[in-house]
Amino acid sequence: MAQHHTISRLPLPPTKKRRSRHRWQLWKLLLLLSPILLLIGWIGYREVENTWVQPQAIFVLGGEEEREIFGAKFAHAHPNLPVWISSGAPPKYAKKVFKKAGVSADNLHLDYQAIDTVTNFTTLVDQFKSKGITSVYLVTSDDHLPRARIIGEIVFGSKGIKVKPITFESSRDPEPVQKTVRDGFRSVLWLMTGYAGGK
């Protein structure tokens, strides 16, 4: 009578198990990091691209007197470029600052629709697009730049407008990352719905 032996499957050697688990953990980590890596890659690409871009306008983000003073000096060095200030100082004061810097009033455009950084971009993007502007100098302080840049890349980028940052040192700490994430999300929401959310 033939004897039947059942061969039980032997467990994988510990090294193979470890290797398999390690490979799976690596894939999970790559999946989690992929959005961040894509964003870093995109910003890096835009940095290289921006070195060859010649902006057609100066876009000053209001909210601080320093930005307008710096923007006026920068505009003086680029007299052929129109200047837009989004929700900055009252008209009389803003005009005075730019006049003192030698910037023609004809070159100055003051806009007061925005209530925060996201709406600085969303309220003017269509106007820039309609004027055929495809690239702007983005003037703001160094602490504010990461958030402003993300918003600009999403909102202006959606209309084919490139952003070339120009900053000055503010001696303040960088803004919290949460604000950048929040406003990045609001910018994507605006892309999908046309609504940017509250402040």
Protein backbone atom coordinates (compact mmCIF):
# COMPACT_ATOMS: atom_id res chain seq x y z
CA MET A 1 0.00 0.00 0.00
CA ALA A 2 1.46 3.31 -1.12
CA GLN A 3 2.06 5.82 1.56
CA HIS A 4 1.06 9.43 0.91
CA HIS A 5 3.14 12.08 2.52
CA THR A 6 1.70 15.54 2.84
CA ILE A 7 4.33 18.18 2.30
CA SER A 8 3.58 21.16 4.41
CA ARG A 9 4.71 24.50 3.05
CA LEU A 10 7.76 25.59 4.92
CA PRO A 11 7.77 29.15 6.28
CA LEU A 12 9.90 31.62 4.37
CA PRO A 13 13.29 32.17 5.87
CA PRO A 14 13.24 35.25 8.09
CA THR A 15 15.46 37.18 5.67
CA LYS A 16 12.99 36.80 2.78
CA LYS A 17 10.08 37.81 5.00
CA ARG A 18 12.02 40.82 6.19
CA ARG A 19 12.94 41.78 2.63
CA SER A 20 9.32 41.51 1.48
CA ARG A 21 8.06 43.62 4.42
CA HIS A 22 10.81 46.17 3.86
CA ARG A 23 9.91 46.45 0.16
CA TRP A 24 6.22 47.01 1.01
CA GLN A 25 7.10 49.71 3.58
CA LEU A 26 9.27 51.43 0.99
CA TRP A 27 6.40 51.47 -1.51
CA LYS A 28 4.03 52.87 1.12
CA LEU A 29 6.52 55.62 1.94
CA LEU A 30 6.95 56.51 -1.75
CA LEU A 31 3.16 56.66 -2.20
CA LEU A 32 2.82 58.98 0.79
CA LEU A 33 5.68 61.21 -0.36
CA SER A 34 4.76 61.30 -4.06
CA PRO A 35 2.56 64.45 -3.86
CA ILE A 36 5.32 66.30 -2.00
CA LEU A 37 7.99 65.07 -4.43
CA LEU A 38 5.83 66.10 -7.39
CA LEU A 39 5.32 69.56 -5.89
CA ILE A 40 9.06 69.99 -5.24
CA GLY A 41 9.79 68.82 -8.79
CA TRP A 42 7.23 71.23 -10.23
CA ILE A 43 8.62 74.18 -8.25
CA GLY A 44 12.15 73.23 -9.31
CA TYR A 45 11.05 73.12 -12.95
CA ARG A 46 9.35 76.52 -12.61
CA GLU A 47 12.50 77.96 -10.99
CA VAL A 48 14.58 76.94 -14.01
CA GLU A 49 11.88 78.18 -16.38
CA ASN A 50 11.63 81.52 -14.53
CA THR A 51 15.30 82.29 -15.11
CA TRP A 52 14.47 82.78 -18.81
CA VAL A 53 11.13 84.56 -18.34
CA GLN A 54 10.84 88.33 -18.85
CA PRO A 55 7.77 89.43 -16.86
CA GLN A 56 5.34 91.88 -18.42
CA ALA A 57 4.00 93.40 -15.20
CA ILE A 58 4.76 93.95 -11.52
CA PHE A 59 2.26 92.51 -9.04
CA VAL A 60 2.54 93.85 -5.50
CA LEU A 61 0.63 92.06 -2.74
CA GLY A 62 -0.90 94.60 -0.39
CA GLY A 63 -1.23 94.15 3.32
CA GLU A 64 2.01 95.78 4.44
CA GLU A 65 3.44 99.23 3.85
CA GLU A 66 6.93 97.71 3.37
CA ARG A 67 5.76 95.78 0.32
CA GLU A 68 4.56 98.91 -1.43
CA ILE A 69 7.70 100.89 -0.59
CA PHE A 70 9.87 98.04 -1.89
CA GLY A 71 7.53 97.60 -4.88
CA ALA A 72 7.87 101.31 -5.73
CA LYS A 73 11.68 101.08 -5.73
CA PHE A 74 11.53 97.96 -7.87
CA ALA A 75 9.07 99.62 -10.28
CA HIS A 76 11.42 102.62 -10.58
CA ALA A 77 14.12 100.22 -11.84
CA HIS A 78 11.61 98.78 -14.40
CA PRO A 79 9.88 101.92 -15.73
CA ASN A 80 8.30 100.21 -18.74
CA LEU A 81 6.31 97.70 -16.70
CA PRO A 82 2.78 98.38 -15.44
CA VAL A 83 2.30 97.92 -11.68
CA TRP A 84 -0.71 96.35 -9.99
CA ILE A 85 -1.20 96.62 -6.24
CA SER A 86 -3.81 94.33 -4.78
CA SER A 87 -5.59 95.64 -1.67
CA GLY A 88 -2.74 97.76 -0.41
CA ALA A 89 -2.64 101.18 1.25
CA PRO A 90 -5.39 103.75 0.59
CA PRO A 91 -5.16 105.24 -2.93
CA LYS A 92 -3.85 108.64 -1.86
CA TYR A 93 -0.97 107.15 0.14
CA ALA A 94 -0.13 104.47 -2.45
CA LYS A 95 0.06 107.08 -5.22
CA LYS A 96 2.27 109.25 -3.05
CA VAL A 97 4.72 106.36 -2.38
CA PHE A 98 5.03 105.54 -6.08
CA LYS A 99 5.24 109.18 -7.15
CA LYS A 100 8.07 109.72 -4.66
CA ALA A 101 9.90 106.74 -6.25
CA GLY A 102 9.49 108.32 -9.68
CA VAL A 103 6.87 105.90 -11.00
CA SER A 104 4.36 107.34 -13.46
CA ALA A 105 0.76 107.39 -12.23
CA ASP A 106 -0.25 106.08 -15.67
CA ASN A 107 1.66 102.89 -14.91
CA LEU A 108 -0.05 102.34 -11.55
CA HIS A 109 -3.18 100.18 -11.12
CA LEU A 110 -4.77 99.98 -7.68
CA ASP A 111 -7.26 97.21 -6.99
CA TYR A 112 -9.17 96.75 -3.71
CA GLN A 113 -11.28 93.64 -4.35
CA ALA A 114 -9.09 91.20 -2.40
CA ILE A 115 -9.64 90.43 1.28
CA ASP A 116 -6.64 88.10 1.74
CA THR A 117 -3.73 86.49 -0.08
CA VAL A 118 -5.80 83.94 -2.03
CA THR A 119 -8.16 86.63 -3.34
CA ASN A 120 -5.16 88.85 -4.21
CA PHE A 121 -4.70 86.35 -7.04
CA THR A 122 -8.25 85.19 -7.81
CA THR A 123 -9.64 88.73 -8.24
CA LEU A 124 -7.02 89.78 -10.80
CA VAL A 125 -6.13 86.63 -12.73
CA ASP A 126 -8.81 87.14 -15.40
CA GLN A 127 -7.87 90.80 -15.86
CA PHE A 128 -4.22 89.85 -16.43
CA LYS A 129 -5.26 87.11 -18.83
CA SER A 130 -7.50 89.49 -20.81
CA LYS A 131 -4.59 91.93 -21.17
CA GLY A 132 -2.39 89.18 -22.58
CA ILE A 133 -0.07 89.14 -19.55
CA THR A 134 1.66 85.77 -19.34
CA SER A 135 4.23 86.50 -16.63
CA VAL A 136 4.53 88.80 -13.62
CA TYR A 137 7.05 89.81 -11.01
CA LEU A 138 5.47 88.85 -7.68
CA VAL A 139 6.52 91.37 -5.01
CA THR A 140 6.14 90.41 -1.36
CA SER A 141 8.17 89.89 1.83
CA ASP A 142 10.37 86.81 2.32
CA ASP A 143 8.26 85.45 5.20
CA HIS A 144 5.12 85.64 3.06
CA LEU A 145 6.61 84.24 -0.15
CA PRO A 146 6.12 80.44 0.30
CA ARG A 147 2.36 80.86 0.73
CA ALA A 148 2.02 83.53 -1.96
CA ARG A 149 4.07 81.45 -4.37
CA ILE A 150 1.98 78.29 -3.95
CA ILE A 151 -1.22 80.28 -4.50
CA GLY A 152 0.28 82.06 -7.51
CA GLU A 153 1.46 78.81 -9.08
CA ILE A 154 -2.02 77.31 -8.74
CA VAL A 155 -4.25 80.32 -9.55
CA PHE A 156 -2.12 82.19 -12.09
CA GLY A 157 -0.62 78.96 -13.39
CA SER A 158 -4.12 77.70 -14.25
CA LYS A 159 -4.37 80.59 -16.75
CA GLY A 160 -0.85 80.19 -18.11
CA ILE A 161 0.61 83.12 -16.14
CA LYS A 162 4.10 82.58 -14.77
CA VAL A 163 5.19 84.02 -11.43
CA LYS A 164 8.71 85.33 -10.81
CA PRO A 165 9.17 86.17 -7.10
CA ILE A 166 10.94 89.33 -5.96
CA THR A 167 11.30 89.60 -2.20
CA PHE A 168 12.88 91.68 0.51
CA GLU A 169 14.02 90.63 3.99
CA SER A 170 11.40 91.26 6.62
CA SER A 171 13.35 90.03 9.69
CA ARG A 172 10.23 88.01 10.64
CA ASP A 173 9.98 84.24 11.02
CA PRO A 174 8.46 82.35 8.07
CA GLU A 175 4.71 81.89 8.24
CA PRO A 176 3.40 78.60 9.66
CA VAL A 177 3.24 75.76 7.13
CA GLN A 178 -0.44 75.22 8.03
CA LYS A 179 -1.33 78.58 6.44
CA THR A 180 0.40 77.57 3.21
CA VAL A 181 -1.39 74.20 3.16
CA ARG A 182 -4.75 75.84 3.94
CA ASP A 183 -4.41 78.46 1.20
CA GLY A 184 -3.07 75.89 -1.26
CA PHE A 185 -6.25 73.90 -0.62
CA ARG A 186 -8.39 77.04 -1.05
CA SER A 187 -6.67 77.75 -4.37
CA VAL A 188 -7.47 74.24 -5.62
CA LEU A 189 -11.06 74.73 -4.40
CA TRP A 190 -11.21 77.95 -6.45
CA LEU A 191 -9.96 76.04 -9.51
CA MET A 192 -12.72 73.47 -9.14
CA THR A 193 -15.61 75.70 -8.07
CA GLY A 194 -14.70 79.35 -8.69
CA TYR A 195 -15.08 79.94 -4.95
CA ALA A 196 -12.01 80.67 -2.82
CA GLY A 197 -13.56 80.31 0.64
CA GLY A 198 -13.27 82.74 3.53
CA LYS A 199 -10.21 84.36 5.06
